[in-house]
Protein backbone atom coordinates (compact mmCIF):
# COMPACT_ATOMS: atom_id res chain seq x y z
CA MET A 1 63.11 -23.61 -31.25
CA LYS A 2 60.19 -22.14 -33.21
CA ARG A 3 57.96 -25.07 -32.22
CA TYR A 4 58.95 -24.64 -28.56
CA THR A 5 58.11 -20.91 -28.72
CA ILE A 6 54.70 -21.62 -30.24
CA PHE A 7 54.06 -24.25 -27.54
CA LEU A 8 54.87 -21.75 -24.79
CA ILE A 9 52.58 -19.13 -26.32
CA LEU A 10 49.70 -21.58 -26.65
CA SER A 11 50.29 -22.86 -23.11
CA THR A 12 50.15 -19.31 -21.79
CA ILE A 13 46.93 -18.59 -23.68
CA PHE A 14 45.22 -21.76 -22.46
CA THR A 15 46.41 -21.15 -18.90
CA SER A 16 45.00 -17.61 -18.97
CA ILE A 17 41.66 -18.83 -20.34
CA ASN A 18 41.49 -21.52 -17.67
CA CYS A 19 42.28 -19.01 -14.88
CA VAL A 20 39.50 -16.71 -16.07
CA ALA A 21 37.07 -19.62 -16.26
CA MET A 22 37.85 -20.59 -12.67
CA SER A 23 37.46 -17.06 -11.30
CA PRO A 24 34.57 -16.59 -8.88
CA ASN A 25 31.49 -14.67 -9.94
CA VAL A 26 30.37 -11.55 -8.06
CA LEU A 27 26.85 -10.61 -6.98
CA PHE A 28 27.02 -6.94 -6.04
CA ILE A 29 23.94 -5.55 -4.24
CA VAL A 30 23.54 -1.90 -3.23
CA ALA A 31 20.71 -0.33 -1.21
CA ASP A 32 19.99 3.40 -1.11
CA ASP A 33 19.68 5.30 2.20
CA LEU A 34 19.43 2.05 4.20
CA ASN A 35 20.45 2.62 7.80
CA ASP A 36 21.21 0.10 10.56
CA TRP A 37 17.58 -0.83 11.24
CA VAL A 38 17.91 -4.22 9.51
CA GLU A 39 17.51 -7.31 11.69
CA PRO A 40 21.16 -8.51 11.65
CA LEU A 41 22.24 -5.16 13.13
CA GLY A 42 19.41 -5.05 15.67
CA GLY A 43 18.65 -1.44 14.84
CA HIS A 44 14.84 -1.37 15.07
CA PRO A 45 12.52 -3.79 16.88
CA ASP A 46 9.85 -3.60 14.16
CA ALA A 47 12.10 -4.12 11.13
CA GLN A 48 11.16 -7.10 8.96
CA THR A 49 14.19 -8.18 6.93
CA PRO A 50 14.22 -12.01 6.93
CA ASN A 51 15.97 -12.20 3.57
CA ILE A 52 18.81 -9.89 4.57
CA SER A 53 19.07 -11.98 7.74
CA HIS A 54 19.37 -15.09 5.58
CA LEU A 55 22.07 -13.43 3.50
CA ALA A 56 23.93 -12.49 6.67
CA SER A 57 23.80 -16.11 7.87
CA LEU A 58 25.65 -17.22 4.74
CA GLY A 59 28.71 -15.06 5.38
CA VAL A 60 30.16 -12.31 7.55
CA THR A 61 28.26 -9.35 9.00
CA PHE A 62 30.23 -6.16 9.58
CA THR A 63 28.44 -4.51 12.49
CA ASN A 64 30.69 -1.44 12.52
CA ALA A 65 30.74 -0.46 8.82
CA HIS A 66 30.59 3.22 7.85
CA SER A 67 30.24 5.49 4.86
CA PRO A 68 33.23 7.72 3.99
CA VAL A 69 30.73 10.53 3.23
CA PRO A 70 27.14 10.16 4.42
CA VAL A 71 25.53 11.51 1.24
CA CYS A 72 24.77 9.72 -2.04
CA ASN A 73 27.15 10.98 -4.75
CA PRO A 74 30.43 11.14 -2.78
CA ALA A 75 29.71 7.88 -0.92
CA ARG A 76 29.08 5.98 -4.14
CA THR A 77 32.01 7.63 -5.89
CA ALA A 78 34.27 6.56 -3.01
CA ALA A 79 33.04 2.95 -3.07
CA ILE A 80 33.25 2.53 -6.85
CA THR A 81 36.60 4.32 -7.31
CA GLY A 82 38.21 3.15 -4.06
CA LEU A 83 39.35 6.73 -3.41
CA SER A 84 38.76 8.73 -0.26
CA PRO A 85 36.64 11.83 -0.88
CA LEU A 86 39.50 13.84 0.57
CA ARG A 87 41.68 12.58 -2.26
CA SER A 88 39.16 12.58 -5.12
CA GLY A 89 37.68 15.90 -4.02
CA VAL A 90 34.10 14.64 -4.53
CA MET A 91 32.27 15.82 -1.42
CA THR A 92 28.80 16.88 -2.60
CA ASN A 93 25.85 15.70 -4.68
CA THR A 94 26.34 18.58 -7.13
CA GLN A 95 29.72 17.28 -8.32
CA THR A 96 28.34 15.36 -11.26
CA PRO A 97 28.96 13.86 -13.75
CA MET A 98 31.58 12.03 -11.71
CA ARG A 99 34.19 11.97 -14.46
CA ASN A 100 34.26 15.77 -14.52
CA TYR A 101 35.61 15.79 -10.96
CA ILE A 102 38.00 12.87 -10.67
CA ASN A 103 41.34 12.20 -12.29
CA SER A 104 40.94 10.86 -15.82
CA ASN A 105 43.19 7.85 -15.09
CA VAL A 106 41.03 6.54 -12.22
CA GLU A 107 39.89 2.97 -12.92
CA THR A 108 36.53 2.15 -11.36
CA LEU A 109 35.67 -1.19 -9.79
CA PHE A 110 33.50 -2.02 -12.79
CA GLN A 111 36.27 -1.14 -15.25
CA TYR A 112 38.77 -3.23 -13.32
CA PHE A 113 36.65 -6.38 -13.35
CA SER A 114 35.74 -5.85 -17.00
CA SER A 115 39.41 -5.55 -17.93
CA HIS A 116 40.08 -8.87 -16.21
CA GLY A 117 37.65 -10.87 -18.29
CA TYR A 118 34.38 -10.50 -16.39
CA TYR A 119 31.00 -10.30 -18.10
CA MET A 120 29.46 -7.13 -16.65
CA ALA A 121 25.69 -7.09 -16.12
CA GLY A 122 23.71 -4.68 -14.02
CA GLN A 123 20.47 -2.87 -13.39
CA GLY A 124 19.73 0.05 -11.12
CA LYS A 125 21.66 2.76 -9.30
CA PHE A 126 25.34 2.50 -8.40
CA LEU A 127 26.73 5.98 -9.01
CA HIS A 128 24.65 9.09 -8.43
CA LEU A 129 23.45 9.78 -11.97
CA PRO A 130 22.16 7.32 -14.59
CA SER A 131 24.60 8.89 -17.06
CA ASP A 132 27.51 7.93 -14.77
CA ASP A 133 26.24 4.36 -14.51
CA LEU A 134 25.72 4.08 -18.26
CA ALA A 135 29.32 5.20 -18.87
CA GLU A 136 30.66 2.07 -17.16
CA PRO A 137 31.71 -0.94 -19.31
CA TRP A 138 28.54 -3.04 -19.12
CA ASN A 139 27.85 -5.96 -21.41
CA GLU A 140 24.19 -5.55 -20.52
CA PHE A 141 22.56 -2.90 -18.37
CA GLY A 142 19.16 -1.49 -17.52
CA VAL A 143 18.03 1.46 -15.40
CA SER A 144 14.74 0.99 -13.54
CA ASN A 145 13.85 3.80 -11.15
CA ASP A 146 10.06 3.49 -11.23
CA ARG A 147 8.64 3.64 -7.72
CA GLY A 148 4.90 3.32 -7.98
CA GLU A 149 2.56 6.22 -7.18
CA PRO A 150 0.70 7.12 -3.98
CA LEU A 151 -3.07 7.33 -3.74
CA GLN A 152 -2.71 11.09 -3.31
CA THR A 153 0.13 13.61 -3.55
CA PRO A 154 1.65 14.48 -1.19
CA GLY A 155 1.03 11.12 0.36
CA HIS A 156 1.57 12.38 3.90
CA GLY A 157 -0.46 15.57 3.43
CA ILE A 158 2.19 17.84 5.04
CA THR A 159 2.45 20.69 2.56
CA GLU A 160 4.87 22.58 4.82
CA LEU A 161 7.39 19.72 4.62
CA ILE A 162 7.30 19.69 0.83
CA GLU A 163 7.77 23.46 0.75
CA ALA A 164 10.69 23.31 3.19
CA TYR A 165 12.47 20.54 1.21
CA ASN A 166 11.09 19.23 -2.08
CA ALA A 167 8.39 16.98 -3.50
CA SER A 168 10.43 13.82 -2.94
CA PHE A 169 10.22 14.17 0.87
CA ASP A 170 6.99 12.23 0.74
CA TRP A 171 5.52 8.89 1.69
CA GLY A 172 2.29 7.00 1.25
CA VAL A 173 0.52 3.81 0.24
CA SER A 174 0.39 2.93 -3.45
CA ASN A 175 -2.25 0.83 -5.17
CA ASP A 176 0.14 -0.31 -7.90
CA GLN A 177 1.20 -3.92 -8.38
CA ASP A 178 4.64 -4.90 -7.01
CA SER A 179 5.89 -5.35 -10.58
CA ILE A 180 5.60 -1.58 -11.20
CA TRP A 181 8.46 -0.83 -8.78
CA GLY A 182 11.94 -0.54 -10.22
CA ASP A 183 13.35 -2.66 -7.40
CA TYR A 184 11.02 -5.51 -8.37
CA MET A 185 12.27 -5.22 -11.95
CA LYS A 186 15.88 -5.44 -10.77
CA ALA A 187 15.23 -8.68 -8.91
CA SER A 188 13.48 -10.00 -12.03
CA PHE A 189 16.54 -9.06 -14.08
CA ALA A 190 18.71 -11.06 -11.66
CA GLU A 191 16.36 -14.06 -11.76
CA ASN A 192 16.48 -14.14 -15.56
CA PHE A 193 20.24 -13.64 -15.65
CA LEU A 194 20.93 -16.46 -13.20
CA ARG A 195 18.81 -18.91 -15.22
CA LYS A 196 21.15 -18.54 -18.19
CA ASN A 197 24.28 -20.50 -18.94
CA HIS A 198 27.39 -18.33 -18.49
CA THR A 199 30.74 -19.45 -19.85
CA GLN A 200 32.83 -16.66 -18.35
CA PRO A 201 32.89 -15.23 -14.83
CA PHE A 202 30.21 -12.61 -14.33
CA PHE A 203 29.82 -9.50 -12.24
CA LEU A 204 26.10 -9.08 -11.60
CA ALA A 205 25.24 -5.73 -10.02
CA LEU A 206 21.86 -4.67 -8.61
CA GLY A 207 21.28 -1.14 -7.33
CA PHE A 208 18.02 -0.95 -5.36
CA ASN A 209 16.42 2.49 -4.92
CA LEU A 210 14.51 1.83 -1.72
CA PRO A 211 14.44 2.90 1.02
CA HIS A 212 15.41 6.25 -0.56
CA LEU A 213 12.64 8.86 -0.55
CA PRO A 214 9.87 9.00 -1.58
CA TRP A 215 8.60 6.07 0.49
CA TYR A 216 5.74 4.97 -1.74
CA VAL A 217 5.05 1.39 -0.72
CA PRO A 218 2.57 -1.39 -1.53
CA GLN A 219 -0.39 -1.81 0.78
CA ALA A 220 0.81 -5.23 1.95
CA ASP A 221 4.13 -3.87 3.23
CA TRP A 222 2.42 -0.88 4.86
CA ASN A 223 -0.02 -3.13 6.67
CA ALA A 224 2.67 -5.60 7.73
CA ILE A 225 4.53 -2.89 9.68
CA GLY A 226 1.36 -1.52 11.23
CA PRO A 227 0.48 2.00 12.43
CA LYS A 228 2.39 1.97 15.73
CA PRO A 229 6.06 1.14 15.18
CA SER A 230 8.50 2.11 17.92
CA LEU A 231 9.92 5.60 17.61
CA PRO A 232 13.69 6.17 17.64
CA THR A 233 15.26 7.33 20.88
CA TYR A 234 14.93 11.11 21.16
CA LEU A 235 16.06 13.48 23.90
CA ALA A 236 14.98 17.11 23.64
CA PHE A 237 18.27 18.22 25.26
CA ASP A 238 20.46 15.87 23.20
CA ARG A 239 22.36 18.68 21.48
CA ASP A 240 22.92 20.85 24.56
CA ASP A 241 26.50 19.59 25.00
CA MET A 242 27.45 19.87 21.31
CA PRO A 243 29.43 22.54 19.44
CA LEU A 244 27.30 25.46 18.25
CA LYS A 245 27.55 24.34 14.61
CA ALA A 246 26.11 20.94 15.55
CA VAL A 247 23.34 22.47 17.67
CA LYS A 248 22.03 24.40 14.66
CA PHE A 249 22.52 21.68 12.05
CA ASP A 250 19.53 19.97 10.35
CA VAL A 251 16.76 21.21 12.62
CA LYS A 252 13.96 22.00 10.12
CA ALA A 253 12.24 18.68 9.47
CA HIS A 254 11.66 17.32 12.96
CA PRO A 255 9.33 20.01 14.34
CA ILE A 256 7.33 19.90 11.08
CA ILE A 257 6.89 16.11 11.06
CA ALA A 258 6.42 15.70 14.82
CA GLY A 259 4.20 18.77 14.96
CA ALA A 260 1.92 17.30 12.31
CA GLY A 261 1.64 14.09 14.32
CA LYS A 262 3.28 12.15 11.47
CA TRP A 263 6.52 10.91 13.05
CA GLN A 264 5.25 7.39 13.65
CA GLU A 265 3.73 7.26 10.18
CA ALA A 266 7.07 8.27 8.64
CA VAL A 267 8.80 5.46 10.55
CA GLN A 268 6.12 3.05 9.32
CA ALA A 269 6.72 4.16 5.73
CA TYR A 270 10.49 3.78 5.99
CA LEU A 271 10.20 0.32 7.55
CA ALA A 272 7.68 -0.69 4.86
CA ALA A 273 10.09 0.48 2.15
CA ILE A 274 12.85 -1.62 3.74
CA ARG A 275 10.50 -4.61 3.89
CA PHE A 276 9.69 -4.34 0.18
CA MET A 277 13.38 -4.01 -0.76
CA ASP A 278 14.22 -6.98 1.48
CA HIS A 279 11.76 -9.11 -0.47
CA GLN A 280 13.60 -8.27 -3.70
CA VAL A 281 16.89 -9.26 -2.05
CA GLY A 282 15.24 -12.55 -1.13
CA ARG A 283 14.12 -13.19 -4.70
CA THR A 284 17.67 -12.54 -5.90
CA ILE A 285 19.35 -14.82 -3.35
CA ALA A 286 16.78 -17.56 -4.00
CA ALA A 287 17.56 -17.38 -7.72
CA LEU A 288 21.28 -17.71 -6.98
CA GLU A 289 20.67 -20.67 -4.65
CA ALA A 290 18.63 -22.38 -7.38
CA SER A 291 21.38 -21.83 -9.94
CA PRO A 292 24.63 -23.75 -10.56
CA TYR A 293 26.61 -20.64 -9.56
CA LEU A 294 25.97 -20.57 -5.80
CA ASN A 295 29.24 -22.19 -4.70
CA ASN A 296 31.37 -19.99 -6.94
CA THR A 297 29.77 -16.58 -6.39
CA ILE A 298 30.93 -13.87 -4.01
CA ILE A 299 28.04 -11.83 -2.61
CA ILE A 300 28.45 -8.36 -1.19
CA PHE A 301 25.59 -6.23 0.12
CA TRP A 302 26.02 -2.61 1.22
CA SER A 303 24.27 0.73 1.57
CA ASP A 304 25.72 4.10 0.60
CA HIS A 305 25.10 5.65 4.04
CA GLY A 306 22.75 5.62 7.00
CA TYR A 307 19.66 7.71 7.69
CA HIS A 308 18.12 9.72 10.52
CA LEU A 309 14.44 9.50 11.37
CA GLY A 310 14.36 11.82 14.37
CA GLU A 311 17.42 10.75 16.35
CA LYS A 312 18.93 13.94 17.82
CA GLY A 313 16.08 15.75 16.08
CA ALA A 314 17.74 15.09 12.70
CA TRP A 315 16.27 13.69 9.49
CA LEU A 316 17.88 12.45 6.28
CA LYS A 317 21.71 12.12 6.33
CA LEU A 318 24.76 14.41 6.16
CA THR A 319 25.60 14.34 9.89
CA PRO A 320 28.75 13.02 11.63
CA TRP A 321 26.61 10.84 13.93
CA GLU A 322 26.08 7.10 14.06
CA GLU A 323 22.70 6.90 12.33
CA SER A 324 24.09 8.82 9.36
CA THR A 325 27.44 7.06 8.87
CA ARG A 326 26.68 3.47 9.93
CA ILE A 327 25.65 1.08 7.17
CA PRO A 328 24.76 -2.59 6.69
CA MET A 329 27.55 -4.56 5.01
CA PHE A 330 27.62 -8.33 4.44
CA VAL A 331 30.12 -10.46 2.53
CA VAL A 332 29.68 -14.07 1.43
CA ALA A 333 32.72 -15.76 -0.10
CA PRO A 334 32.28 -19.53 -0.65
CA GLY A 335 35.13 -21.47 0.90
CA VAL A 336 36.52 -18.32 2.51
CA SER A 337 33.94 -16.60 4.71
CA ILE A 338 32.68 -17.98 8.00
CA PRO A 339 28.89 -18.62 7.79
CA GLY A 340 27.19 -16.49 10.40
CA GLY A 341 30.44 -14.70 11.20
CA VAL A 342 30.34 -11.28 12.84
CA SER A 343 33.05 -8.63 12.92
CA GLY A 344 32.91 -5.53 15.10
CA GLU A 345 35.99 -3.94 13.56
CA SER A 346 35.41 -0.49 12.10
CA VAL A 347 35.39 -0.76 8.31
CA SER A 348 34.50 1.48 5.40
CA LEU A 349 32.96 1.46 1.93
CA LEU A 350 36.50 2.20 0.74
CA ASP A 351 37.36 -1.40 1.68
CA ILE A 352 34.96 -2.96 -0.83
CA TYR A 353 37.16 -2.50 -3.91
CA PRO A 354 40.37 -4.08 -2.51
CA THR A 355 38.36 -6.82 -0.79
CA LEU A 356 36.63 -7.95 -3.98
CA ILE A 357 39.91 -7.88 -5.88
CA GLU A 358 41.57 -10.20 -3.38
CA LEU A 359 38.58 -12.54 -3.12
CA ALA A 360 38.51 -12.81 -6.92
CA GLY A 361 42.23 -13.59 -7.01
CA LEU A 362 43.00 -10.54 -9.16
CA PRO A 363 46.15 -8.37 -8.94
CA ALA A 364 46.13 -5.86 -6.10
CA LYS A 365 45.91 -2.11 -6.80
CA ASN A 366 48.18 0.05 -4.68
CA SER A 367 46.33 3.23 -5.64
CA LEU A 368 43.27 2.39 -3.53
CA ASP A 369 42.63 4.04 -0.16
CA GLY A 370 40.83 1.12 1.45
CA THR A 371 42.07 -2.12 3.01
CA SER A 372 41.17 -5.67 2.02
CA LEU A 373 38.88 -7.22 4.60
CA VAL A 374 39.74 -10.80 3.64
CA PRO A 375 41.47 -11.48 7.00
CA LEU A 376 38.25 -10.51 8.79
CA ILE A 377 36.14 -12.50 6.35
CA THR A 378 38.31 -15.57 6.92
CA ASP A 379 38.41 -15.18 10.70
CA PRO A 380 36.18 -12.37 12.04
CA ILE A 381 37.24 -12.91 15.65
CA ASN A 382 40.97 -13.59 15.54
CA ALA A 383 42.16 -11.79 12.39
CA THR A 384 45.74 -10.64 12.91
CA GLN A 385 46.88 -9.60 9.41
CA LEU A 386 44.69 -6.49 9.29
CA PRO A 387 46.50 -3.26 10.16
CA THR A 388 45.01 -0.75 12.59
CA HIS A 389 41.81 0.16 10.85
CA ASN A 390 39.51 3.06 11.62
CA ALA A 391 36.54 4.34 9.62
CA VAL A 392 36.63 8.03 8.72
CA SER A 393 33.62 9.96 7.44
CA SER A 394 34.15 13.41 5.98
CA LEU A 395 31.58 16.11 5.35
CA LYS A 396 31.66 19.74 4.33
CA HIS A 397 31.37 20.72 7.98
CA ALA A 398 33.18 17.98 9.95
CA ASN A 399 35.43 14.93 9.96
CA THR A 400 34.53 12.02 12.19
CA LEU A 401 36.49 8.93 13.24
CA ARG A 402 34.82 5.68 14.32
CA THR A 403 36.90 3.06 16.10
CA THR A 404 35.69 -0.14 17.73
CA ASN A 405 34.59 1.66 20.89
CA TRP A 406 34.73 5.40 20.21
CA ARG A 407 33.55 8.16 17.92
CA TYR A 408 35.53 11.39 17.71
CA SER A 409 34.36 14.30 15.53
CA HIS A 410 36.03 17.59 14.69
CA TRP A 411 33.74 20.34 13.40
CA PHE A 412 35.24 22.95 11.10
CA PHE A 413 35.24 26.46 12.61
CA GLY A 414 35.66 24.85 16.03
CA GLY A 415 34.11 22.21 18.24
CA GLU A 416 34.58 18.52 19.01
CA GLU A 417 32.47 15.52 19.98
CA LEU A 418 33.55 12.36 21.76
CA TYR A 419 31.28 9.37 22.43
CA ASP A 420 31.92 6.13 24.30
CA HIS A 421 30.06 3.48 22.31
CA GLN A 422 30.49 0.79 24.93
CA ASN A 423 28.40 2.79 27.41
CA ASP A 424 26.59 5.26 25.16
CA PRO A 425 25.64 3.63 21.82
CA ASN A 426 23.09 6.36 21.06
CA GLU A 427 25.72 9.11 21.42
CA HIS A 428 23.82 11.13 24.00
CA VAL A 429 26.73 12.27 26.20
CA ASN A 430 29.49 14.32 24.56
CA LEU A 431 32.70 13.72 26.54
CA ALA A 432 34.89 16.08 24.51
CA LEU A 433 35.04 18.72 27.26
CA ASP A 434 35.40 16.26 30.13
CA PRO A 435 39.02 16.46 31.46
CA ALA A 436 38.87 12.79 32.42
CA TYR A 437 38.82 11.90 28.71
CA ALA A 438 41.41 14.41 27.50
CA ALA A 439 44.03 11.74 26.77
CA ILE A 440 41.57 9.59 24.83
CA LYS A 441 40.37 12.60 22.86
CA GLU A 442 43.92 13.61 21.99
CA SER A 443 44.77 10.08 20.87
CA LEU A 444 41.69 9.87 18.67
CA SER A 445 42.40 13.31 17.26
CA GLU A 446 45.84 12.15 16.22
CA GLN A 447 44.37 8.96 14.74
CA LEU A 448 41.94 11.06 12.72
CA ALA A 449 44.82 13.18 11.48
CA ALA A 450 46.82 10.10 10.50
CA SER A 451 43.81 8.51 8.81
CA ILE A 452 43.24 11.43 6.46
CA LEU A 453 46.87 11.99 5.42
CA PRO A 454 48.20 13.38 3.18
CA ARG A 455 46.10 16.36 4.21
CA GLY A 456 48.49 19.07 3.07
CA ASP A 457 48.39 17.81 -0.51
CA THR A 458 45.54 20.04 -1.63
CA ASP A 459 46.28 19.77 -5.34
CA GLY A 460 46.51 15.97 -5.17
CA ASN A 461 49.88 15.60 -6.88
CA GLY A 462 51.32 13.33 -4.20
CA GLU A 463 53.47 15.86 -2.36
CA VAL A 464 53.06 18.88 -0.12
CA ASN A 465 54.63 21.94 -1.72
CA PHE A 466 54.16 25.65 -2.28
CA LEU A 467 51.32 25.08 -4.73
CA ASP A 468 49.35 23.59 -1.86
CA ILE A 469 50.18 26.70 0.17
CA LEU A 470 48.91 28.87 -2.67
CA LEU A 471 45.66 26.91 -2.94
CA LEU A 472 45.13 27.13 0.80
CA GLN A 473 45.86 30.85 0.72
CA ARG A 474 43.36 31.33 -2.10
CA HIS A 475 40.78 29.53 0.00
CA LEU A 476 41.52 31.68 3.04
CA THR A 477 41.15 34.86 1.00
CA GLY A 478 37.89 33.70 -0.55
CA LEU A 479 39.24 33.33 -4.07
CA VAL A 480 38.16 29.69 -4.38
CA ASP A 481 34.48 28.76 -4.60
CA LEU A 482 33.44 27.44 -1.19
CA GLU A 483 31.83 24.25 -2.50
CA TYR A 484 35.00 23.05 -4.18
CA SER A 485 37.33 24.23 -1.44
CA GLN A 486 35.88 22.11 1.34
CA GLN A 487 38.56 19.55 0.53
CA PHE A 488 41.26 22.10 1.33
CA ARG A 489 39.78 22.85 4.72
CA ALA A 490 39.55 19.14 5.49
CA ASP A 491 43.12 18.65 4.30
CA VAL A 492 44.62 20.96 6.93
CA TYR A 493 42.37 20.13 9.87
CA PRO A 494 42.87 19.02 12.57
CA HIS A 495 46.67 18.69 12.54
CA SER A 496 49.65 20.83 11.56
CA THR A 497 47.61 23.89 12.43
CA SER A 498 47.12 26.06 15.49
CA ARG A 499 43.96 24.07 16.36
CA ASP A 500 42.36 27.14 17.86
CA GLY A 501 39.06 26.55 16.10
CA ASN A 502 39.69 29.08 13.33
CA LEU A 503 41.18 28.60 9.89
CA ASP A 504 43.31 31.71 9.56
CA LEU A 505 46.73 33.15 8.72
CA ARG A 506 48.40 31.35 11.62
CA ASP A 507 47.31 28.02 10.15
CA LEU A 508 48.76 29.10 6.81
CA ILE A 509 52.09 29.92 8.47
CA LEU A 510 52.15 26.56 10.24
CA MET A 511 51.20 24.84 7.02
CA GLU A 512 54.13 26.54 5.33
CA ALA A 513 56.42 25.42 8.15
CA MET A 514 55.25 21.85 7.59
CA VAL A 515 56.22 22.08 3.94
CA LEU A 516 59.63 23.58 4.70
CA LYS A 517 60.68 21.19 7.46
């Protein structure tokens, strides 16, 4: 009996070791502030991203992928924790370090793979602060944020822009060698790592900084784009049919940049930054293809959010519009993904965590807010196992829902937007007030409500009760700091309230009725 028991124990140990050894590797690539201008998404006619195009040809391109919060810290927190910002409460860049704002028992993507036997290696930016990245369970890790320096500062010469924002809102040509840039160093790290012999499955993560500001770029990339790239579509009256809050939002930068005659130069700088980053992606993929790990390595590429360069007169991010929420996302899974596959289903950064778990053959986590995209990766056109899936982006001032064909946004303090993406991909015509679309708007409003449930659970304990009422009441009476109470406002809008455009006592009464029913 004792011998039999020992045999079973040893068999279990050897089986476990063998399973770990057979697990696929993961190459995890993140870009910063990269919008949909890359070639596979057809976003800009002058974009030069041949290496990202090559990556896309190896697997599945998600053409309708969106950020759950179009700003760095909450977007990255959502992707790495798998938790909606409306559940974690992380909605702004000031909520750092991350661990001070999320539940202590949250297991990040990196922690999960580490706990399942993966060798964790990385370099660059994944969470918002280097201290957050360094706190993850790496076996080896390096932070390289060097960007090169421009020939003059500010590179663009627009002092007014720097004064209105900060010194990082800058661009220019640098005379430094490519090897000075942090993104070059990250690709070099990957090349060296992939030359080595690895006896356990690895999770290799690269967090590129470009095309985040400042756009200091090598002369070769600047020249390759040229001085006359196409400008984004811009209509002076584009916001005339929007809610008042939207009309006034993010209007400082455009008149300064356009007024200085620098709009085209800014586009050139952004495209040049993308081109340089694309080259580093190419070096990384080439190193993988030259290694023995190619056929057993999952690749995922994503950006934290999109970016405006003048569309609707907006710059940067933080809007509920397409250029801000839409992101590039590509997944390569050897033996699983369809090479050159394309999916137009609306998906989210929240889906990365459960997708990688399933592709790696690891146990599922029911605590995650996203959905595994494996059915779409296996069959992008005819996937039937995926439940109804919409991408929700939440900001301090609005929630927005993106389906396959529609975008519906609800602005706090009143106002809605509705866009038909089949006929209006640039979101120029707001249909929210058109009676002909009332039924569609109502349906999308209800879908938005369902997508962000449980919205009454403001304290995050899993149930709606009188404590949630108290927290909401404290918010309404101004007793909770506004920055940290945005979650509460999002939790009660747009359903189970009077929906009159104001968050007031009537909403509190209706909220109470919801709890009591």
